[in-house]
N, C-alpha and C. Protein backbone atom coordinates (compact mmCIF):
# COMPACT_ATOMS: atom_id res chain seq x y z
N LEU A 1 14.83 4.02 129.40
CA LEU A 1 16.12 4.78 129.63
C LEU A 1 16.28 5.75 128.28
N ASP A 2 16.31 7.05 128.39
CA ASP A 2 16.62 7.74 127.22
C ASP A 2 18.29 7.86 127.14
N PHE A 3 18.73 7.29 126.04
CA PHE A 3 19.95 7.48 125.82
C PHE A 3 20.56 8.66 125.04
N SER A 4 19.70 9.18 124.39
CA SER A 4 20.03 10.43 123.74
C SER A 4 20.16 11.63 124.68
N PHE A 5 19.55 11.62 125.79
CA PHE A 5 19.70 12.60 127.03
C PHE A 5 20.82 12.47 127.24
N VAL A 6 21.42 11.10 127.81
CA VAL A 6 22.81 10.76 128.23
C VAL A 6 23.95 11.09 127.51
N TYR A 7 23.89 10.79 126.13
CA TYR A 7 24.77 11.22 125.15
C TYR A 7 24.74 12.85 125.02
N GLU A 8 23.81 13.50 125.06
CA GLU A 8 23.91 14.70 125.09
C GLU A 8 24.57 15.42 126.30
N ILE A 9 24.42 14.82 127.48
CA ILE A 9 25.00 15.30 128.56
C ILE A 9 26.59 14.91 128.54
N LEU A 10 27.02 13.92 127.92
CA LEU A 10 28.14 13.38 127.62
C LEU A 10 29.03 14.26 126.64
N MET A 11 28.23 14.80 125.71
CA MET A 11 28.75 15.63 124.53
C MET A 11 29.19 17.02 125.08
N ASP A 12 27.77 17.46 125.95
CA ASP A 12 28.46 18.98 126.46
C ASP A 12 29.37 19.00 127.55
N ASP A 13 29.70 17.74 127.98
CA ASP A 13 30.80 17.44 129.15
C ASP A 13 32.20 17.54 128.32
N HIS A 14 32.10 17.01 127.15
CA HIS A 14 33.25 16.62 126.31
C HIS A 14 33.56 18.35 125.74
N ARG A 15 32.45 19.01 125.24
CA ARG A 15 32.55 20.28 124.63
C ARG A 15 33.38 21.31 125.74
N LEU A 16 32.67 21.23 126.85
CA LEU A 16 33.23 22.13 128.09
C LEU A 16 34.69 21.64 128.36
N ASP A 17 35.21 20.40 128.22
CA ASP A 17 36.49 19.79 128.90
C ASP A 17 37.26 20.59 127.41
N GLU A 18 36.79 20.40 126.18
CA GLU A 18 37.67 20.91 124.95
C GLU A 18 37.74 22.47 125.27
N ASP A 19 36.68 23.38 125.42
CA ASP A 19 36.84 24.67 125.79
C ASP A 19 37.89 25.08 126.99
N ILE A 20 37.71 24.22 127.79
CA ILE A 20 38.56 24.47 129.25
C ILE A 20 40.08 24.31 128.69
N GLN A 21 40.27 23.11 127.73
CA GLN A 21 41.68 23.02 127.38
C GLN A 21 42.30 23.86 126.55
N LEU A 22 41.17 24.67 125.70
CA LEU A 22 41.52 25.70 124.67
C LEU A 22 41.72 27.00 125.44
N ASP A 23 41.17 27.34 126.41
CA ASP A 23 41.27 28.46 127.32
C ASP A 23 42.60 28.48 127.81
N ASP A 24 43.00 27.07 128.52
CA ASP A 24 44.30 27.08 129.24
C ASP A 24 45.27 27.11 128.23
N HIS A 25 45.13 26.42 127.19
CA HIS A 25 46.37 26.81 126.14
C HIS A 25 46.42 28.28 125.77
N ARG A 26 45.55 28.76 125.44
CA ARG A 26 45.56 30.23 125.04
C ARG A 26 45.99 31.34 126.32
N LEU A 27 45.64 30.92 127.54
CA LEU A 27 46.53 31.48 128.71
C LEU A 27 47.95 31.21 128.69
N ALA A 28 48.17 29.95 128.52
CA ALA A 28 49.54 29.96 128.59
C ALA A 28 50.50 30.57 127.65
N GLU A 29 49.64 30.71 126.47
CA GLU A 29 50.57 31.35 125.25
C GLU A 29 50.51 32.69 125.56
N GLU A 30 49.59 33.38 126.21
CA GLU A 30 49.40 34.75 126.57
C GLU A 30 50.52 34.90 127.87
N LYS A 31 50.41 34.06 128.75
CA LYS A 31 51.33 34.30 129.80
C LYS A 31 52.96 34.12 129.01
N GLN A 32 53.16 33.35 128.25
CA GLN A 32 54.63 33.47 127.68
C GLN A 32 54.75 34.52 126.98
N MET A 33 53.96 34.83 126.26
CA MET A 33 54.21 36.28 125.35
C MET A 33 54.37 37.36 126.34
N GLU A 34 53.47 37.45 127.46
CA GLU A 34 54.00 38.49 128.37
C GLU A 34 55.36 38.57 129.11
N GLU A 35 55.71 37.08 129.62
CA GLU A 35 56.98 36.81 130.06
C GLU A 35 58.16 37.24 128.98
N GLN A 36 57.82 37.08 127.84
CA GLN A 36 58.86 37.22 126.90
C GLN A 36 59.21 38.85 126.74
N ARG A 37 57.69 39.60 126.53
CA ARG A 37 57.62 40.89 126.22
C ARG A 37 58.54 41.41 127.61
N LEU A 38 58.40 41.17 128.62
CA LEU A 38 58.82 41.75 129.80
C LEU A 38 60.35 41.45 129.90
N ALA A 39 60.78 40.34 129.66
CA ALA A 39 62.19 40.00 129.38
C ALA A 39 62.95 40.79 128.46
N GLU A 40 62.37 41.12 127.18
CA GLU A 40 62.72 41.89 126.32
C GLU A 40 62.94 43.36 126.88
N GLU A 41 61.80 43.91 127.43
CA GLU A 41 61.91 45.26 128.25
C GLU A 41 62.75 45.49 129.13
N ARG A 42 63.11 44.47 130.06
CA ARG A 42 64.20 44.32 130.94
C ARG A 42 65.45 44.44 130.47
N GLN A 43 65.79 43.58 129.40
CA GLN A 43 66.94 43.76 128.69
C GLN A 43 67.18 45.06 127.77
N MET A 44 66.01 45.43 127.30
CA MET A 44 66.60 46.93 126.84
C MET A 44 66.75 48.11 127.79
N GLU A 45 66.33 47.79 129.07
CA GLU A 45 66.51 48.81 130.24
C GLU A 45 67.81 48.72 130.63
N GLU A 46 68.19 47.29 130.78
CA GLU A 46 69.62 46.91 131.19
C GLU A 46 70.76 47.55 130.27
N GLU A 47 70.38 47.38 128.90
CA GLU A 47 71.10 48.05 127.70
C GLU A 47 71.36 49.81 127.88
N ARG A 48 70.19 50.21 128.00
CA ARG A 48 70.09 51.50 128.50
C ARG A 48 71.01 51.91 129.39
N LEU A 49 70.77 51.43 130.34
CA LEU A 49 71.66 51.69 131.64
C LEU A 49 73.23 51.78 131.61
N ALA A 50 73.29 50.56 130.74
CA ALA A 50 74.75 50.05 130.44
C ALA A 50 75.26 51.25 129.68
N LYS A 51 74.65 51.54 128.55
CA LYS A 51 74.88 52.84 127.79
C LYS A 51 75.24 54.12 128.37
N GLU A 52 74.21 54.32 129.19
CA GLU A 52 74.62 55.50 130.37
C GLU A 52 75.65 55.57 130.91
N ARG A 53 75.74 54.32 131.76
CA ARG A 53 77.08 54.14 132.59
C ARG A 53 78.38 54.56 131.72
N ARG A 54 78.40 53.94 130.65
CA ARG A 54 79.67 53.89 129.62
C ARG A 54 79.81 55.67 129.31
N MET A 55 78.89 56.20 129.14
CA MET A 55 78.61 57.74 128.60
C MET A 55 79.13 58.51 129.78
N GLU A 56 78.70 58.20 131.09
CA GLU A 56 78.97 58.76 132.06
C GLU A 56 80.60 58.59 132.59
N GLU A 57 80.95 57.48 132.42
CA GLU A 57 82.53 56.88 132.71
C GLU A 57 83.37 57.84 131.86
N GLN A 58 82.77 57.99 130.17
CA GLN A 58 83.39 58.56 129.43
C GLN A 58 83.76 60.05 129.74
N ARG A 59 82.57 60.62 130.15
CA ARG A 59 82.51 62.17 130.42
C ARG A 59 83.57 62.54 131.36
N ILE A 60 83.38 61.49 132.53
CA ILE A 60 84.25 61.67 133.84
C ILE A 60 85.77 61.62 133.48
N ASP A 61 86.06 60.71 132.39
CA ASP A 61 87.52 60.43 132.02
C ASP A 61 87.77 61.65 131.38
N GLU A 62 86.96 62.18 130.37
CA GLU A 62 87.38 63.58 129.62
C GLU A 62 87.79 64.48 130.69
N GLU A 63 86.72 64.85 131.69
CA GLU A 63 86.93 66.09 132.66
C GLU A 63 88.17 65.82 133.24
N ARG A 64 88.52 64.44 133.70
CA ARG A 64 89.67 64.19 134.47
C ARG A 64 91.33 64.47 133.46
N GLN A 65 90.81 64.11 132.34
CA GLN A 65 92.12 64.38 131.12
C GLN A 65 92.19 66.01 131.00
N MET A 66 91.04 66.75 130.87
CA MET A 66 90.90 68.32 130.80
C MET A 66 91.90 68.85 132.08
N GLU A 67 91.31 68.18 133.32
CA GLU A 67 91.89 68.65 134.53
C GLU A 67 93.44 68.48 134.58
N GLU A 68 93.95 67.49 134.40
CA GLU A 68 95.19 66.89 134.25
C GLU A 68 95.84 67.72 133.14
N GLN A 69 95.49 68.04 132.29
CA GLN A 69 96.22 69.09 131.14
C GLN A 69 96.16 70.53 131.61
N ARG A 70 95.15 70.91 132.38
CA ARG A 70 94.86 72.26 132.77
C ARG A 70 95.96 72.46 133.87
N LEU A 71 96.13 71.43 134.93
CA LEU A 71 97.16 71.46 135.94
C LEU A 71 98.65 71.49 135.74
N ALA A 72 98.94 70.54 134.39
CA ALA A 72 100.14 70.13 133.54
C ALA A 72 100.69 71.63 133.29
N LYS A 73 99.68 72.23 132.30
CA LYS A 73 100.20 73.61 131.87
C LYS A 73 100.23 74.66 132.87
N GLU A 74 99.37 74.66 134.02
CA GLU A 74 99.98 75.68 135.18
C GLU A 74 101.29 75.40 135.94
N ARG A 75 101.52 74.18 136.02
CA ARG A 75 102.78 73.79 136.62
C ARG A 75 103.90 74.15 135.59
N GLN A 76 103.97 74.11 134.22
CA GLN A 76 104.81 74.43 133.16
C GLN A 76 104.86 75.89 133.41
N MET A 77 104.02 76.80 133.61
CA MET A 77 103.86 78.19 133.63
C MET A 77 104.68 78.73 134.81
N GLU A 78 104.11 77.85 135.92
CA GLU A 78 104.99 78.24 137.12
C GLU A 78 106.56 78.15 137.24
N GLU A 79 106.97 77.10 136.51
CA GLU A 79 108.25 76.60 136.55
C GLU A 79 108.83 77.52 135.79
N GLN A 80 108.46 77.99 134.57
CA GLN A 80 108.87 79.09 133.50
C GLN A 80 108.93 80.34 134.35
N ARG A 81 107.76 80.91 135.04
CA ARG A 81 107.96 81.96 135.93
C ARG A 81 109.10 81.87 136.75
N ILE A 82 109.37 81.03 137.46
CA ILE A 82 110.64 80.68 138.32
C ILE A 82 111.71 80.66 137.50
N ASP A 83 111.77 80.23 136.49
CA ASP A 83 113.16 80.30 135.67
C ASP A 83 113.65 81.62 135.21
N GLU A 84 112.59 82.28 135.02
CA GLU A 84 112.48 83.69 134.38
C GLU A 84 113.38 84.54 135.64
N GLU A 85 112.44 84.37 136.81
CA GLU A 85 112.86 85.12 137.89
C GLU A 85 114.42 84.92 138.52
N ARG A 86 114.36 83.50 138.24
CA ARG A 86 116.12 83.20 138.68
C ARG A 86 117.03 83.73 137.83
N GLN A 87 116.62 83.60 136.42
CA GLN A 87 117.86 84.43 135.58
C GLN A 87 117.84 86.04 135.78
N MET A 88 116.70 86.49 135.97
CA MET A 88 116.76 88.16 136.22
C MET A 88 117.52 88.21 137.42
N GLU A 89 117.18 87.21 138.43
CA GLU A 89 118.26 87.44 139.74
C GLU A 89 119.53 87.43 139.48
N GLU A 90 120.03 86.22 138.77
CA GLU A 90 121.36 86.10 138.15
C GLU A 90 122.14 87.21 137.66
N GLN A 91 121.31 87.32 136.72
CA GLN A 91 121.58 88.99 135.76
C GLN A 91 121.70 90.10 136.66
N ARG A 92 120.97 90.23 137.47
CA ARG A 92 121.05 91.49 138.32
C ARG A 92 122.23 91.20 139.32
N LEU A 93 122.68 90.02 139.61
CA LEU A 93 123.89 90.14 140.66
C LEU A 93 125.18 89.90 139.60
N VAL A 94 125.13 89.63 138.28
CA VAL A 94 126.17 89.78 137.57
C VAL A 94 126.60 91.07 137.20
N GLU A 95 125.45 92.05 137.08
CA GLU A 95 125.40 93.50 136.96
C GLU A 95 126.30 93.97 138.19
N GLU A 96 125.58 93.74 139.27
CA GLU A 96 126.00 94.30 140.44
C GLU A 96 127.59 94.07 140.62
N SER A 97 128.00 92.94 140.41
CA SER A 97 129.28 92.53 140.40
C SER A 97 130.11 93.15 139.82
N GLN A 98 129.54 93.29 138.53
CA GLN A 98 130.52 94.16 137.31
C GLN A 98 130.47 95.40 137.66
N MET A 99 129.65 96.01 138.18
CA MET A 99 129.47 97.43 138.71
C MET A 99 130.50 97.81 139.80
N GLU A 100 130.66 96.65 140.91
CA GLU A 100 131.26 96.54 141.87
C GLU A 100 132.85 96.48 141.50
N GLU A 101 132.98 95.77 140.56
CA GLU A 101 134.34 95.62 140.10
C GLU A 101 135.03 96.81 139.47
N GLN A 102 133.97 97.53 138.54
CA GLN A 102 134.48 98.74 137.95
C GLN A 102 134.67 99.82 139.15
N ARG A 103 133.93 99.99 140.08
CA ARG A 103 134.14 100.81 141.33
C ARG A 103 135.73 100.80 141.82
N LEU A 104 136.15 99.35 141.85
CA LEU A 104 137.13 99.27 142.53
C LEU A 104 138.38 99.50 141.63
């Protein structure tokens, strides 16, 4: 029986096992790196969306404040106009009353 032939077969089998283990290890590392890359991309996307959301909320708040200021100014101007009309009406009534007294 030729033991060198058997030895060669066993050595080939051992080398194949080592190659398979190395490939498995390399594939596991690649898979881990890909998962890490995807996790980082996902986190960056979530951060980007959160920033966009905050900016949109800030923009809406600013628009609301501007609208509230505009309405407050309109209200103030309307109240001022009404006050001026009332004063003019009161002045007119006083003048009419004085004219009536002078006539009598």
